[in-house]
Amino acid sequence: MRLPRVRFTIGRLMIAVLVPSLTIWVVMIYLQASRTRRAESAYKQAVLTREVAESAFIEYVEGASRQKKATIEGQIALARSDLERAIDRVKWSDQQKKLGRIPVAQNIADHLSRDRSTSPSSRTRPG
């Protein structure tokens, strides 16, 4: 038995259904590709931002924090030498006061200078 031959013709109704479907399908593919490109672009931007942040962090750790630490250590050394100088000045001033070579006001001023060197408020220097 022979099978009947199937004829396939595209009619106006099929075109009316297929063209809009095909158009919607093409638009969806285009939109998906556009979203993919935007996502890839955002990812690349995030990677670059992270690299810049890591670079800035390394620069801070290796440069700025060491410099701040050195500055603070310098201020500590300066404060210690100021205190030692003030203590020596008070000892000398006490001896000279006993001998009558300097006025009492000068001796009091030296004691006040030493006290300022040891007080917490004088440890924070402007600048």
C-alpha atoms as a PDB file:
ATOM      1  CA  MET A   1       0.000   0.000   0.000  1.00  0.00           C
ATOM      2  CA  ARG A   2       1.238   3.291  -0.918  1.00  0.00           C
ATOM      3  CA  LEU A   3       1.197   6.192   1.542  1.00  0.00           C
ATOM      4  CA  PRO A   4      -0.443   9.342   0.431  1.00  0.00           C
ATOM      5  CA  ARG A   5       1.857  12.170  -0.472  1.00  0.00           C
ATOM      6  CA  VAL A   6       1.734  14.967   2.045  1.00  0.00           C
ATOM      7  CA  ARG A   7       1.776  18.391   0.628  1.00  0.00           C
ATOM      8  CA  PHE A   8       3.099  21.132   2.770  1.00  0.00           C
ATOM      9  CA  THR A   9       2.146  24.624   1.851  1.00  0.00           C
ATOM     10  CA  ILE A  10       2.584  27.704   3.907  1.00  0.00           C
ATOM     11  CA  GLY A  11      -0.590  29.578   3.979  1.00  0.00           C
ATOM     12  CA  ARG A  12      -1.314  33.083   5.033  1.00  0.00           C
ATOM     13  CA  LEU A  13      -2.512  31.908   8.418  1.00  0.00           C
ATOM     14  CA  MET A  14       0.740  30.065   9.104  1.00  0.00           C
ATOM     15  CA  ILE A  15       2.765  33.116   8.095  1.00  0.00           C
ATOM     16  CA  ALA A  16       0.617  35.250  10.347  1.00  0.00           C
ATOM     17  CA  VAL A  17       1.465  32.945  13.256  1.00  0.00           C
ATOM     18  CA  LEU A  18       5.115  32.119  12.457  1.00  0.00           C
ATOM     19  CA  VAL A  19       6.478  35.611  11.724  1.00  0.00           C
ATOM     20  CA  PRO A  20       5.480  37.197  15.040  1.00  0.00           C
ATOM     21  CA  SER A  21       6.715  34.093  16.917  1.00  0.00           C
ATOM     22  CA  LEU A  22      10.017  34.221  15.079  1.00  0.00           C
ATOM     23  CA  THR A  23      10.299  37.949  15.743  1.00  0.00           C
ATOM     24  CA  ILE A  24       9.670  37.455  19.460  1.00  0.00           C
ATOM     25  CA  TRP A  25      12.237  34.647  19.527  1.00  0.00           C
ATOM     26  CA  VAL A  26      14.890  36.832  17.815  1.00  0.00           C
ATOM     27  CA  VAL A  27      14.167  39.727  20.175  1.00  0.00           C
ATOM     28  CA  MET A  28      14.484  37.433  23.199  1.00  0.00           C
ATOM     29  CA  ILE A  29      17.849  36.124  21.961  1.00  0.00           C
ATOM     30  CA  TYR A  30      19.058  39.698  21.387  1.00  0.00           C
ATOM     31  CA  LEU A  31      17.929  40.780  24.883  1.00  0.00           C
ATOM     32  CA  GLN A  32      19.613  37.767  26.472  1.00  0.00           C
ATOM     33  CA  ALA A  33      22.851  38.535  24.628  1.00  0.00           C
ATOM     34  CA  SER A  34      22.606  42.144  25.739  1.00  0.00           C
ATOM     35  CA  ARG A  35      22.111  41.079  29.368  1.00  0.00           C
ATOM     36  CA  THR A  36      25.061  38.720  29.080  1.00  0.00           C
ATOM     37  CA  ARG A  37      27.286  41.510  27.734  1.00  0.00           C
ATOM     38  CA  ARG A  38      26.195  43.848  30.540  1.00  0.00           C
ATOM     39  CA  ALA A  39      26.860  41.161  33.156  1.00  0.00           C
ATOM     40  CA  GLU A  40      30.312  40.474  31.702  1.00  0.00           C
ATOM     41  CA  SER A  41      31.050  44.203  31.691  1.00  0.00           C
ATOM     42  CA  ALA A  42      29.930  44.550  35.330  1.00  0.00           C
ATOM     43  CA  TYR A  43      32.098  41.559  36.273  1.00  0.00           C
ATOM     44  CA  LYS A  44      35.159  43.055  34.569  1.00  0.00           C
ATOM     45  CA  GLN A  45      34.529  46.387  36.330  1.00  0.00           C
ATOM     46  CA  ALA A  46      34.238  44.621  39.687  1.00  0.00           C
ATOM     47  CA  VAL A  47      37.513  42.786  39.066  1.00  0.00           C
ATOM     48  CA  LEU A  48      39.264  46.065  38.212  1.00  0.00           C
ATOM     49  CA  THR A  49      37.808  47.759  41.286  1.00  0.00           C
ATOM     50  CA  ARG A  50      39.023  44.902  43.481  1.00  0.00           C
ATOM     51  CA  GLU A  51      42.520  45.085  41.969  1.00  0.00           C
ATOM     52  CA  VAL A  52      42.682  48.831  42.625  1.00  0.00           C
ATOM     53  CA  ALA A  53      41.528  48.306  46.214  1.00  0.00           C
ATOM     54  CA  GLU A  54      44.120  45.580  46.784  1.00  0.00           C
ATOM     55  CA  SER A  55      46.825  47.810  45.333  1.00  0.00           C
ATOM     56  CA  ALA A  56      45.778  50.703  47.583  1.00  0.00           C
ATOM     57  CA  PHE A  57      45.767  48.415  50.613  1.00  0.00           C
ATOM     58  CA  ILE A  58      49.261  47.113  49.872  1.00  0.00           C
ATOM     59  CA  GLU A  59      50.495  50.668  49.334  1.00  0.00           C
ATOM     60  CA  TYR A  60      49.003  51.707  52.672  1.00  0.00           C
ATOM     61  CA  VAL A  61      50.445  48.752  54.557  1.00  0.00           C
ATOM     62  CA  GLU A  62      53.888  49.114  53.016  1.00  0.00           C
ATOM     63  CA  GLY A  63      54.042  52.893  52.952  1.00  0.00           C
ATOM     64  CA  ALA A  64      51.643  55.033  54.917  1.00  0.00           C
ATOM     65  CA  SER A  65      51.313  52.862  58.011  1.00  0.00           C
ATOM     66  CA  ARG A  66      55.079  52.479  58.314  1.00  0.00           C
ATOM     67  CA  GLN A  67      55.485  56.216  57.954  1.00  0.00           C
ATOM     68  CA  LYS A  68      52.860  56.870  60.639  1.00  0.00           C
ATOM     69  CA  LYS A  69      54.534  54.349  62.924  1.00  0.00           C
ATOM     70  CA  ALA A  70      57.918  56.023  62.399  1.00  0.00           C
ATOM     71  CA  THR A  71      56.370  59.440  63.108  1.00  0.00           C
ATOM     72  CA  ILE A  72      54.797  58.205  66.328  1.00  0.00           C
ATOM     73  CA  GLU A  73      58.026  56.539  67.426  1.00  0.00           C
ATOM     74  CA  GLY A  74      59.840  59.824  66.743  1.00  0.00           C
ATOM     75  CA  GLN A  75      57.320  61.723  68.850  1.00  0.00           C
ATOM     76  CA  ILE A  76      57.775  59.215  71.682  1.00  0.00           C
ATOM     77  CA  ALA A  77      61.551  59.600  71.557  1.00  0.00           C
ATOM     78  CA  LEU A  78      61.193  63.390  71.566  1.00  0.00           C
ATOM     79  CA  ALA A  79      58.828  63.283  74.547  1.00  0.00           C
ATOM     80  CA  ARG A  80      61.242  61.043  76.463  1.00  0.00           C
ATOM     81  CA  SER A  81      64.178  63.326  75.791  1.00  0.00           C
ATOM     82  CA  ASP A  82      62.082  66.363  76.821  1.00  0.00           C
ATOM     83  CA  LEU A  83      61.196  64.604  80.067  1.00  0.00           C
ATOM     84  CA  GLU A  84      64.804  63.641  80.774  1.00  0.00           C
ATOM     85  CA  ARG A  85      65.912  67.204  80.060  1.00  0.00           C
ATOM     86  CA  ALA A  86      63.194  68.592  82.363  1.00  0.00           C
ATOM     87  CA  ILE A  87      64.217  66.187  85.159  1.00  0.00           C
ATOM     88  CA  ASP A  88      67.869  67.149  84.789  1.00  0.00           C
ATOM     89  CA  ARG A  89      66.881  70.827  84.770  1.00  0.00           C
ATOM     90  CA  VAL A  90      64.902  70.374  88.021  1.00  0.00           C
ATOM     91  CA  LYS A  91      67.853  68.637  89.710  1.00  0.00           C
ATOM     92  CA  TRP A  92      70.189  71.398  88.626  1.00  0.00           C
ATOM     93  CA  SER A  93      67.643  74.073  89.608  1.00  0.00           C
ATOM     94  CA  ASP A  94      67.186  72.531  93.085  1.00  0.00           C
ATOM     95  CA  GLN A  95      70.949  72.534  93.644  1.00  0.00           C
ATOM     96  CA  GLN A  96      71.294  76.119  92.432  1.00  0.00           C
ATOM     97  CA  LYS A  97      68.374  77.253  94.607  1.00  0.00           C
ATOM     98  CA  LYS A  98      70.036  75.733  97.685  1.00  0.00           C
ATOM     99  CA  LEU A  99      73.205  77.633  96.841  1.00  0.00           C
ATOM    100  CA  GLY A 100      71.204  80.827  96.280  1.00  0.00           C
ATOM    101  CA  ARG A 101      72.301  81.256  92.662  1.00  0.00           C
ATOM    102  CA  ILE A 102      68.825  81.290  91.038  1.00  0.00           C
ATOM    103  CA  PRO A 103      65.568  82.813  92.223  1.00  0.00           C
ATOM    104  CA  VAL A 104      62.805  80.652  93.722  1.00  0.00           C
ATOM    105  CA  ALA A 105      60.486  81.615  90.835  1.00  0.00           C
ATOM    106  CA  GLN A 106      62.910  80.044  88.352  1.00  0.00           C
ATOM    107  CA  ASN A 107      62.983  76.846  90.412  1.00  0.00           C
ATOM    108  CA  ILE A 108      59.174  76.758  90.488  1.00  0.00           C
ATOM    109  CA  ALA A 109      59.048  77.311  86.726  1.00  0.00           C
ATOM    110  CA  ASP A 110      61.432  74.366  86.206  1.00  0.00           C
ATOM    111  CA  HIS A 111      59.224  72.143  88.391  1.00  0.00           C
ATOM    112  CA  LEU A 112      56.134  73.203  86.417  1.00  0.00           C
ATOM    113  CA  SER A 113      57.947  72.489  83.150  1.00  0.00           C
ATOM    114  CA  ARG A 114      58.775  68.981  84.380  1.00  0.00           C
ATOM    115  CA  ASP A 115      55.204  68.423  85.504  1.00  0.00           C
ATOM    116  CA  ARG A 116      53.924  69.475  82.062  1.00  0.00           C
ATOM    117  CA  SER A 117      56.300  66.957  80.460  1.00  0.00           C
ATOM    118  CA  THR A 118      54.796  64.121  82.507  1.00  0.00           C
ATOM    119  CA  SER A 119      51.107  65.077  82.200  1.00  0.00           C
ATOM    120  CA  PRO A 120      49.013  63.205  79.591  1.00  0.00           C
ATOM    121  CA  SER A 121      47.683  66.420  78.008  1.00  0.00           C
ATOM    122  CA  SER A 122      51.175  67.529  77.001  1.00  0.00           C
ATOM    123  CA  ARG A 123      51.868  64.254  75.175  1.00  0.00           C
ATOM    124  CA  THR A 124      49.558  65.138  72.336  1.00  0.00           C
ATOM    125  CA  ARG A 125      51.367  67.741  70.341  1.00  0.00           C
ATOM    126  CA  PRO A 126      49.747  69.744  67.583  1.00  0.00           C
ATOM    127  CA  GLY A 127      50.792  69.067  64.028  1.00  0.00           C
END
